Amino acid sequence: MGVYLAAIFSLLVFEMAILFVLVLPLPQRVRKWLYMRCTAIGSNKKFRTYMVGIMIFVGLLFIDSWKRSQIKVSTYHSQKPPYVINSVTPVDALASRAYNQRNVYISGFIIYFCICILTVMSILRRIVEWNDKIRAGDAILKAKLRQKQKYLKDLQKKNGSHIHTYR
């Protein structure tokens, strides 16, 4: 019980760390490197298989814990005679429900952060692509500007006039 809980909680902390790093305002070069690394890892078939298996396990844990946390707990105020002993005491039932609610929260946040990571990666992909397009467009604009400045200088030499250029 403790090993799987430690593994699930470690997965939650790991996802939180990944999401934290992805949303940091990093320089474009670092952001692009981070995106490329995450894309390379995500395109690995073994990694995707492991992640699908882990997410199925977490989803099943979520559903199971949700169902188990919905148990009805009777109190000592019920109308049973005091000599009837229940097989499950209310304290045990409350403790079981609390453990299952904890598992619902942990597994639910794991699923939520997985969806958040995929969404942030999509946004990061668009940022990287747009920045590359802007830089490529900027280089094209600079080349066109150099051509026009050269053309203007050629016209000045040809006409012999002094046309002022603004930079």
N, C-alpha and C. Protein backbone atom coordinates (compact mmCIF):
# COMPACT_ATOMS: atom_id res chain seq x y z
N MET A 1 0.83 -1.19 0.00
CA MET A 1 0.00 0.00 0.00
C MET A 1 0.87 1.25 0.00
N GLY A 2 1.89 1.24 0.82
CA GLY A 2 2.76 2.41 0.91
C GLY A 2 3.60 2.62 -0.33
N VAL A 3 4.00 1.53 -0.99
CA VAL A 3 4.84 1.65 -2.18
C VAL A 3 4.05 2.26 -3.33
N TYR A 4 2.83 1.76 -3.54
CA TYR A 4 2.06 2.32 -4.65
C TYR A 4 1.66 3.77 -4.36
N LEU A 5 1.38 4.09 -3.11
CA LEU A 5 1.05 5.47 -2.77
C LEU A 5 2.25 6.39 -2.99
N ALA A 6 3.44 5.91 -2.61
CA ALA A 6 4.65 6.71 -2.84
C ALA A 6 4.89 6.89 -4.34
N ALA A 7 4.64 5.85 -5.13
CA ALA A 7 4.84 5.95 -6.59
C ALA A 7 3.84 6.93 -7.19
N ILE A 8 2.59 6.85 -6.77
CA ILE A 8 1.56 7.74 -7.30
C ILE A 8 1.85 9.19 -6.89
N PHE A 9 2.23 9.39 -5.64
CA PHE A 9 2.53 10.75 -5.19
C PHE A 9 3.77 11.29 -5.90
N SER A 10 4.77 10.43 -6.14
CA SER A 10 5.97 10.85 -6.88
C SER A 10 5.61 11.26 -8.30
N LEU A 11 4.70 10.51 -8.92
CA LEU A 11 4.25 10.87 -10.27
C LEU A 11 3.56 12.23 -10.26
N LEU A 12 2.76 12.48 -9.24
CA LEU A 12 2.09 13.78 -9.12
C LEU A 12 3.10 14.92 -8.97
N VAL A 13 4.10 14.73 -8.12
CA VAL A 13 5.12 15.76 -7.91
C VAL A 13 5.93 15.96 -9.20
N PHE A 14 6.25 14.88 -9.89
CA PHE A 14 7.00 14.96 -11.15
C PHE A 14 6.21 15.75 -12.19
N GLU A 15 4.90 15.48 -12.30
CA GLU A 15 4.08 16.22 -13.25
C GLU A 15 4.00 17.70 -12.88
N MET A 16 3.91 17.99 -11.61
CA MET A 16 3.88 19.38 -11.17
C MET A 16 5.18 20.09 -11.52
N ALA A 17 6.31 19.40 -11.36
CA ALA A 17 7.61 20.00 -11.70
C ALA A 17 7.71 20.25 -13.20
N ILE A 18 7.26 19.29 -14.00
CA ILE A 18 7.29 19.47 -15.46
C ILE A 18 6.44 20.67 -15.86
N LEU A 19 5.23 20.73 -15.32
CA LEU A 19 4.35 21.85 -15.66
C LEU A 19 4.94 23.18 -15.22
N PHE A 20 5.58 23.20 -14.06
CA PHE A 20 6.22 24.43 -13.57
C PHE A 20 7.31 24.89 -14.53
N VAL A 21 8.15 23.97 -14.98
CA VAL A 21 9.25 24.33 -15.88
C VAL A 21 8.69 24.79 -17.23
N LEU A 22 7.62 24.14 -17.71
CA LEU A 22 7.06 24.50 -19.01
C LEU A 22 6.46 25.90 -19.03
N VAL A 23 5.93 26.36 -17.91
CA VAL A 23 5.29 27.68 -17.91
C VAL A 23 6.22 28.80 -17.46
N LEU A 24 7.46 28.49 -17.14
CA LEU A 24 8.42 29.53 -16.78
C LEU A 24 8.69 30.45 -17.97
N PRO A 25 8.90 31.73 -17.75
CA PRO A 25 9.23 32.64 -18.85
C PRO A 25 10.71 32.49 -19.23
N LEU A 26 11.01 31.49 -20.02
CA LEU A 26 12.38 31.18 -20.40
C LEU A 26 12.75 31.89 -21.70
N PRO A 27 14.04 32.06 -21.96
CA PRO A 27 14.47 32.61 -23.26
C PRO A 27 14.03 31.67 -24.39
N GLN A 28 13.89 32.24 -25.57
CA GLN A 28 13.36 31.47 -26.69
C GLN A 28 14.24 30.27 -27.03
N ARG A 29 15.53 30.42 -26.94
CA ARG A 29 16.43 29.32 -27.25
C ARG A 29 16.22 28.15 -26.29
N VAL A 30 16.07 28.44 -24.99
CA VAL A 30 15.84 27.40 -23.99
C VAL A 30 14.45 26.80 -24.18
N ARG A 31 13.47 27.63 -24.47
CA ARG A 31 12.12 27.15 -24.69
C ARG A 31 12.06 26.20 -25.88
N LYS A 32 12.76 26.56 -26.95
CA LYS A 32 12.78 25.71 -28.14
C LYS A 32 13.49 24.39 -27.83
N TRP A 33 14.60 24.45 -27.09
CA TRP A 33 15.32 23.23 -26.71
C TRP A 33 14.43 22.33 -25.86
N LEU A 34 13.73 22.93 -24.91
CA LEU A 34 12.84 22.18 -24.03
C LEU A 34 11.72 21.53 -24.83
N TYR A 35 11.15 22.27 -25.76
CA TYR A 35 10.09 21.73 -26.60
C TYR A 35 10.61 20.57 -27.45
N MET A 36 11.79 20.73 -28.02
CA MET A 36 12.36 19.67 -28.87
C MET A 36 12.64 18.41 -28.04
N ARG A 37 13.16 18.57 -26.83
CA ARG A 37 13.43 17.41 -25.95
C ARG A 37 12.14 16.70 -25.57
N CYS A 38 11.14 17.47 -25.19
CA CYS A 38 9.85 16.86 -24.80
C CYS A 38 9.19 16.17 -25.99
N THR A 39 9.31 16.75 -27.17
CA THR A 39 8.76 16.13 -28.37
C THR A 39 9.50 14.85 -28.70
N ALA A 40 10.82 14.86 -28.55
CA ALA A 40 11.61 13.65 -28.83
C ALA A 40 11.25 12.54 -27.84
N ILE A 41 11.09 12.87 -26.59
CA ILE A 41 10.71 11.87 -25.60
C ILE A 41 9.29 11.38 -25.85
N GLY A 42 8.40 12.30 -26.18
CA GLY A 42 7.01 11.93 -26.42
C GLY A 42 6.79 11.11 -27.68
N SER A 43 7.70 11.20 -28.63
CA SER A 43 7.55 10.43 -29.86
C SER A 43 8.12 9.02 -29.73
N ASN A 44 8.77 8.72 -28.62
CA ASN A 44 9.29 7.38 -28.37
C ASN A 44 8.13 6.43 -28.08
N LYS A 45 8.05 5.32 -28.82
CA LYS A 45 6.92 4.40 -28.69
C LYS A 45 6.88 3.72 -27.33
N LYS A 46 8.02 3.38 -26.79
CA LYS A 46 8.04 2.74 -25.47
C LYS A 46 7.54 3.70 -24.40
N PHE A 47 7.98 4.95 -24.47
CA PHE A 47 7.54 5.94 -23.50
C PHE A 47 6.03 6.14 -23.58
N ARG A 48 5.49 6.24 -24.80
CA ARG A 48 4.05 6.40 -24.95
C ARG A 48 3.29 5.20 -24.41
N THR A 49 3.83 4.00 -24.64
CA THR A 49 3.19 2.79 -24.13
C THR A 49 3.17 2.80 -22.60
N TYR A 50 4.29 3.17 -21.99
CA TYR A 50 4.35 3.25 -20.53
C TYR A 50 3.36 4.29 -20.01
N MET A 51 3.32 5.45 -20.66
CA MET A 51 2.43 6.51 -20.19
C MET A 51 0.96 6.12 -20.33
N VAL A 52 0.61 5.45 -21.41
CA VAL A 52 -0.78 4.99 -21.57
C VAL A 52 -1.11 3.99 -20.47
N GLY A 53 -0.19 3.06 -20.20
CA GLY A 53 -0.41 2.09 -19.12
C GLY A 53 -0.55 2.75 -17.77
N ILE A 54 0.32 3.71 -17.49
CA ILE A 54 0.25 4.42 -16.21
C ILE A 54 -1.05 5.20 -16.10
N MET A 55 -1.45 5.88 -17.18
CA MET A 55 -2.68 6.66 -17.13
C MET A 55 -3.92 5.76 -17.02
N ILE A 56 -3.89 4.57 -17.61
CA ILE A 56 -4.99 3.62 -17.43
C ILE A 56 -5.04 3.19 -15.97
N PHE A 57 -3.89 2.89 -15.40
CA PHE A 57 -3.83 2.50 -13.99
C PHE A 57 -4.36 3.63 -13.10
N VAL A 58 -3.94 4.85 -13.35
CA VAL A 58 -4.39 5.99 -12.55
C VAL A 58 -5.89 6.22 -12.75
N GLY A 59 -6.37 6.06 -13.98
CA GLY A 59 -7.80 6.21 -14.24
C GLY A 59 -8.62 5.17 -13.51
N LEU A 60 -8.14 3.93 -13.51
CA LEU A 60 -8.84 2.87 -12.77
C LEU A 60 -8.80 3.14 -11.26
N LEU A 61 -7.66 3.64 -10.78
CA LEU A 61 -7.57 4.00 -9.37
C LEU A 61 -8.56 5.11 -9.04
N PHE A 62 -8.69 6.08 -9.93
CA PHE A 62 -9.64 7.17 -9.73
C PHE A 62 -11.07 6.64 -9.65
N ILE A 63 -11.45 5.81 -10.60
CA ILE A 63 -12.82 5.28 -10.63
C ILE A 63 -13.08 4.40 -9.41
N ASP A 64 -12.14 3.52 -9.08
CA ASP A 64 -12.31 2.64 -7.93
C ASP A 64 -12.40 3.44 -6.63
N SER A 65 -11.52 4.39 -6.48
CA SER A 65 -11.53 5.20 -5.25
C SER A 65 -12.80 6.04 -5.17
N TRP A 66 -13.27 6.52 -6.31
CA TRP A 66 -14.50 7.31 -6.32
C TRP A 66 -15.67 6.45 -5.83
N LYS A 67 -15.75 5.23 -6.37
CA LYS A 67 -16.85 4.35 -5.96
C LYS A 67 -16.74 3.98 -4.49
N ARG A 68 -15.55 3.69 -4.02
CA ARG A 68 -15.37 3.29 -2.63
C ARG A 68 -15.56 4.45 -1.65
N SER A 69 -15.34 5.67 -2.12
CA SER A 69 -15.51 6.82 -1.22
C SER A 69 -16.97 7.21 -1.05
N GLN A 70 -17.85 6.59 -1.82
CA GLN A 70 -19.28 6.91 -1.75
C GLN A 70 -20.04 6.02 -0.77
N ILE A 71 -19.35 5.30 0.12
CA ILE A 71 -20.03 4.39 1.04
C ILE A 71 -20.83 5.18 2.06
N LYS A 72 -21.92 4.58 2.47
CA LYS A 72 -22.75 5.17 3.50
C LYS A 72 -22.23 4.70 4.85
N VAL A 73 -22.11 5.61 5.76
CA VAL A 73 -21.61 5.29 7.09
C VAL A 73 -22.73 5.50 8.09
N SER A 74 -22.99 4.45 8.85
CA SER A 74 -24.02 4.60 9.90
C SER A 74 -23.34 5.10 11.17
N THR A 75 -24.09 5.78 11.96
CA THR A 75 -23.55 6.30 13.21
C THR A 75 -24.04 5.45 14.37
N TYR A 76 -23.54 5.73 15.53
CA TYR A 76 -23.96 5.00 16.73
C TYR A 76 -25.37 5.39 17.16
N HIS A 77 -25.93 6.37 16.49
CA HIS A 77 -27.26 6.83 16.86
C HIS A 77 -28.35 5.99 16.23
N SER A 78 -27.96 4.94 15.54
CA SER A 78 -28.99 4.10 14.92
C SER A 78 -29.79 3.36 15.99
N GLN A 79 -30.91 2.81 15.60
CA GLN A 79 -31.84 2.21 16.55
C GLN A 79 -31.55 0.74 16.83
N LYS A 80 -30.31 0.29 16.64
CA LYS A 80 -29.96 -1.10 16.89
C LYS A 80 -29.72 -1.31 18.39
N PRO A 81 -30.00 -2.50 18.86
CA PRO A 81 -29.69 -2.79 20.26
C PRO A 81 -28.18 -2.80 20.48
N PRO A 82 -27.71 -2.47 21.67
CA PRO A 82 -26.28 -2.36 21.92
C PRO A 82 -25.53 -3.69 21.83
N TYR A 83 -26.21 -4.82 21.90
CA TYR A 83 -25.50 -6.10 21.85
C TYR A 83 -25.24 -6.58 20.43
N VAL A 84 -25.78 -5.89 19.38
CA VAL A 84 -25.51 -6.26 17.99
C VAL A 84 -24.19 -5.60 17.59
N ILE A 85 -23.24 -6.42 17.16
CA ILE A 85 -21.92 -5.91 16.77
C ILE A 85 -21.81 -5.96 15.25
N ASN A 86 -21.49 -4.84 14.64
CA ASN A 86 -21.30 -4.78 13.19
C ASN A 86 -19.93 -5.34 12.84
N SER A 87 -19.81 -5.85 11.61
CA SER A 87 -18.52 -6.36 11.18
C SER A 87 -17.54 -5.24 10.88
N VAL A 88 -18.05 -4.07 10.53
CA VAL A 88 -17.20 -2.91 10.25
C VAL A 88 -17.61 -1.81 11.22
N THR A 89 -16.66 -1.33 11.95
CA THR A 89 -16.98 -0.25 12.88
C THR A 89 -17.05 1.06 12.11
N PRO A 90 -17.79 2.01 12.62
CA PRO A 90 -17.87 3.30 11.93
C PRO A 90 -16.52 3.99 11.80
N VAL A 91 -15.64 3.80 12.76
CA VAL A 91 -14.32 4.43 12.67
C VAL A 91 -13.55 3.83 11.49
N ASP A 92 -13.60 2.53 11.33
CA ASP A 92 -12.93 1.89 10.19
C ASP A 92 -13.54 2.34 8.87
N ALA A 93 -14.85 2.46 8.84
CA ALA A 93 -15.52 2.90 7.62
C ALA A 93 -15.13 4.34 7.28
N LEU A 94 -15.07 5.19 8.28
CA LEU A 94 -14.66 6.58 8.04
C LEU A 94 -13.22 6.66 7.58
N ALA A 95 -12.36 5.85 8.19
CA ALA A 95 -10.96 5.84 7.78
C ALA A 95 -10.82 5.35 6.34
N SER A 96 -11.55 4.30 5.99
CA SER A 96 -11.51 3.79 4.62
C SER A 96 -12.01 4.83 3.64
N ARG A 97 -13.09 5.51 4.00
CA ARG A 97 -13.61 6.55 3.11
C ARG A 97 -12.59 7.69 2.97
N ALA A 98 -11.93 8.06 4.05
CA ALA A 98 -10.93 9.13 3.98
C ALA A 98 -9.76 8.72 3.09
N TYR A 99 -9.29 7.49 3.20
CA TYR A 99 -8.19 7.01 2.34
C TYR A 99 -8.62 7.02 0.87
N ASN A 100 -9.84 6.60 0.62
CA ASN A 100 -10.32 6.58 -0.76
C ASN A 100 -10.52 7.98 -1.30
N GLN A 101 -10.96 8.90 -0.47
CA GLN A 101 -11.08 10.29 -0.93
C GLN A 101 -9.71 10.88 -1.23
N ARG A 102 -8.72 10.55 -0.41
CA ARG A 102 -7.35 10.99 -0.67
C ARG A 102 -6.88 10.45 -2.02
N ASN A 103 -7.15 9.17 -2.30
CA ASN A 103 -6.75 8.57 -3.57
C ASN A 103 -7.48 9.21 -4.75
N VAL A 104 -8.75 9.60 -4.53
CA VAL A 104 -9.49 10.30 -5.58
C VAL A 104 -8.80 11.62 -5.91
N TYR A 105 -8.43 12.37 -4.89
CA TYR A 105 -7.76 13.66 -5.12
C TYR A 105 -6.42 13.48 -5.82
N ILE A 106 -5.61 12.56 -5.34
CA ILE A 106 -4.28 12.37 -5.93
C ILE A 106 -4.39 11.90 -7.37
N SER A 107 -5.20 10.87 -7.63
CA SER A 107 -5.32 10.36 -8.99
C SER A 107 -6.01 11.37 -9.91
N GLY A 108 -6.97 12.11 -9.37
CA GLY A 108 -7.63 13.14 -10.18
C GLY A 108 -6.67 14.25 -10.58
N PHE A 109 -5.81 14.67 -9.65
CA PHE A 109 -4.82 15.69 -9.99
C PHE A 109 -3.78 15.17 -10.97
N ILE A 110 -3.44 13.90 -10.89
CA ILE A 110 -2.50 13.33 -11.87
C ILE A 110 -3.11 13.41 -13.27
N ILE A 111 -4.37 13.02 -13.39
CA ILE A 111 -5.04 13.09 -14.69
C ILE A 111 -5.15 14.54 -15.15
N TYR A 112 -5.50 15.43 -14.24
CA TYR A 112 -5.63 16.85 -14.57
C TYR A 112 -4.29 17.43 -15.04
N PHE A 113 -3.21 17.14 -14.31
CA PHE A 113 -1.91 17.69 -14.70
C PHE A 113 -1.41 17.08 -16.01
N CYS A 114 -1.78 15.84 -16.30
CA CYS A 114 -1.41 15.25 -17.60
C CYS A 114 -2.09 16.03 -18.73
N ILE A 115 -3.35 16.34 -18.55
CA ILE A 115 -4.07 17.14 -19.55
C ILE A 115 -3.46 18.54 -19.65
N CYS A 116 -3.10 19.12 -18.51
CA CYS A 116 -2.47 20.46 -18.51
C CYS A 116 -1.13 20.44 -19.23
N ILE A 117 -0.33 19.40 -19.01
CA ILE A 117 0.97 19.31 -19.67
C ILE A 117 0.79 19.21 -21.17
N LEU A 118 -0.19 18.41 -21.63
CA LEU A 118 -0.43 18.29 -23.07
C LEU A 118 -0.90 19.63 -23.65
N THR A 119 -1.73 20.36 -22.92
CA THR A 119 -2.20 21.66 -23.38
C THR A 119 -1.07 22.67 -23.44
N VAL A 120 -0.24 22.72 -22.42
CA VAL A 120 0.89 23.65 -22.39
C VAL A 120 1.90 23.30 -23.49
N MET A 121 2.09 22.02 -23.74
CA MET A 121 3.00 21.62 -24.84
C MET A 121 2.45 22.09 -26.18
N SER A 122 1.14 22.03 -26.36
CA SER A 122 0.54 22.52 -27.60
C SER A 122 0.75 24.03 -27.74
N ILE A 123 0.57 24.75 -26.66
CA ILE A 123 0.80 26.20 -26.68
C ILE A 123 2.27 26.50 -26.93
N LEU A 124 3.15 25.75 -26.30
CA LEU A 124 4.59 25.93 -26.48
C LEU A 124 4.99 25.65 -27.93
N ARG A 125 4.39 24.64 -28.55
CA ARG A 125 4.66 24.34 -29.96
C ARG A 125 4.29 25.54 -30.83
N ARG A 126 3.13 26.12 -30.56
CA ARG A 126 2.71 27.27 -31.36
C ARG A 126 3.63 28.47 -31.15
N ILE A 127 4.07 28.68 -29.92
CA ILE A 127 4.98 29.80 -29.64
C ILE A 127 6.29 29.61 -30.39
N VAL A 128 6.83 28.40 -30.35
CA VAL A 128 8.10 28.12 -31.03
C VAL A 128 7.94 28.30 -32.54
N GLU A 129 6.85 27.77 -33.09
CA GLU A 129 6.63 27.89 -34.54
C GLU A 129 6.45 29.35 -34.95
N TRP A 130 5.67 30.10 -34.21
CA TRP A 130 5.46 31.50 -34.55
C TRP A 130 6.74 32.31 -34.42
N ASN A 131 7.52 32.03 -33.41
CA ASN A 131 8.78 32.75 -33.24
C ASN A 131 9.73 32.43 -34.39
N ASP A 132 9.76 31.17 -34.83
CA ASP A 132 10.59 30.82 -35.98
C ASP A 132 10.10 31.52 -37.25
N LYS A 133 8.78 31.60 -37.41
CA LYS A 133 8.23 32.29 -38.58
C LYS A 133 8.56 33.78 -38.55
N ILE A 134 8.48 34.36 -37.36
CA ILE A 134 8.80 35.79 -37.23
C ILE A 134 10.26 36.04 -37.55
N ARG A 135 11.13 35.17 -37.05
CA ARG A 135 12.56 35.34 -37.34
C ARG A 135 12.85 35.15 -38.81
N ALA A 136 12.19 34.16 -39.44
CA ALA A 136 12.37 33.95 -40.88
C ALA A 136 11.82 35.15 -41.65
N GLY A 137 10.66 35.64 -41.23
CA GLY A 137 10.09 36.82 -41.88
C GLY A 137 10.95 38.04 -41.67
N ASP A 138 11.55 38.18 -40.50
CA ASP A 138 12.43 39.29 -40.20
C ASP A 138 13.66 39.25 -41.12
N ALA A 139 14.19 38.08 -41.35
CA ALA A 139 15.34 37.95 -42.25
C ALA A 139 14.95 38.31 -43.68
N ILE A 140 13.77 37.92 -44.09
CA ILE A 140 13.30 38.26 -45.44
C ILE A 140 13.10 39.77 -45.57
N LEU A 141 12.51 40.38 -44.55
CA LEU A 141 12.32 41.83 -44.58
C LEU A 141 13.65 42.57 -44.61
N LYS A 142 14.64 42.10 -43.85
CA LYS A 142 15.95 42.73 -43.87
C LYS A 142 16.61 42.59 -45.24
N ALA A 143 16.45 41.44 -45.87
CA ALA A 143 17.01 41.25 -47.21
C ALA A 143 16.34 42.19 -48.22
N LYS A 144 15.02 42.35 -48.12
CA LYS A 144 14.31 43.27 -49.01
C LYS A 144 14.75 44.71 -48.77
N LEU A 145 14.95 45.07 -47.49
CA LEU A 145 15.41 46.41 -47.16
C LEU A 145 16.79 46.66 -47.76
N ARG A 146 17.71 45.68 -47.64
CA ARG A 146 19.04 45.83 -48.23
C ARG A 146 18.96 45.99 -49.75
N GLN A 147 18.06 45.24 -50.39
CA GLN A 147 17.89 45.37 -51.84
C GLN A 147 17.42 46.77 -52.21
N LYS A 148 16.46 47.29 -51.48
CA LYS A 148 15.93 48.61 -51.79
C LYS A 148 16.96 49.70 -51.51
N GLN A 149 17.76 49.52 -50.44
CA GLN A 149 18.81 50.50 -50.17
C GLN A 149 19.86 50.46 -51.28
N LYS A 150 20.19 49.29 -51.76
CA LYS A 150 21.15 49.17 -52.87
C LYS A 150 20.59 49.82 -54.13
N TYR A 151 19.32 49.56 -54.39
CA TYR A 151 18.67 50.16 -55.55
C TYR A 151 18.66 51.69 -55.44
N LEU A 152 18.41 52.20 -54.24
CA LEU A 152 18.39 53.64 -54.02
C LEU A 152 19.79 54.23 -54.23
N LYS A 153 20.82 53.55 -53.74
CA LYS A 153 22.19 54.03 -53.95
C LYS A 153 22.56 54.01 -55.43
N ASP A 154 22.11 52.99 -56.13
CA ASP A 154 22.36 52.93 -57.58
C ASP A 154 21.67 54.09 -58.29
N LEU A 155 20.46 54.40 -57.87
CA LEU A 155 19.76 55.55 -58.47
C LEU A 155 20.48 56.85 -58.18
N GLN A 156 21.04 56.97 -56.95
CA GLN A 156 21.77 58.19 -56.60
C GLN A 156 23.01 58.33 -57.48
N LYS A 157 23.72 57.25 -57.68
CA LYS A 157 24.91 57.31 -58.52
C LYS A 157 24.54 57.62 -59.96
N LYS A 158 23.45 57.04 -60.42
CA LYS A 158 23.03 57.23 -61.80
C LYS A 158 22.57 58.66 -62.06
N ASN A 159 21.82 59.22 -61.15
CA ASN A 159 21.30 60.57 -61.31
C ASN A 159 22.29 61.62 -60.84
N GLY A 160 23.20 61.23 -60.02
CA GLY A 160 24.16 62.20 -59.51
C GLY A 160 23.56 63.14 -58.49
N SER A 161 22.36 62.91 -58.14
CA SER A 161 21.71 63.80 -57.17
C SER A 161 21.92 63.25 -55.77
N HIS A 162 21.63 64.09 -54.83
CA HIS A 162 21.82 63.72 -53.42
C HIS A 162 20.46 63.48 -52.78
N ILE A 163 20.00 62.29 -52.90
CA ILE A 163 18.73 61.92 -52.26
C ILE A 163 19.08 61.43 -50.86
N HIS A 164 18.42 62.00 -49.88
CA HIS A 164 18.69 61.62 -48.50
C HIS A 164 18.00 60.31 -48.16
N THR A 165 18.71 59.44 -47.57
CA THR A 165 18.13 58.16 -47.12
C THR A 165 18.01 58.20 -45.61
N TYR A 166 16.95 57.65 -45.17
CA TYR A 166 16.70 57.59 -43.72
C TYR A 166 16.87 56.15 -43.26
N ARG A 167 17.56 56.01 -42.16
CA ARG A 167 17.78 54.65 -41.63
C ARG A 167 17.10 54.50 -40.33
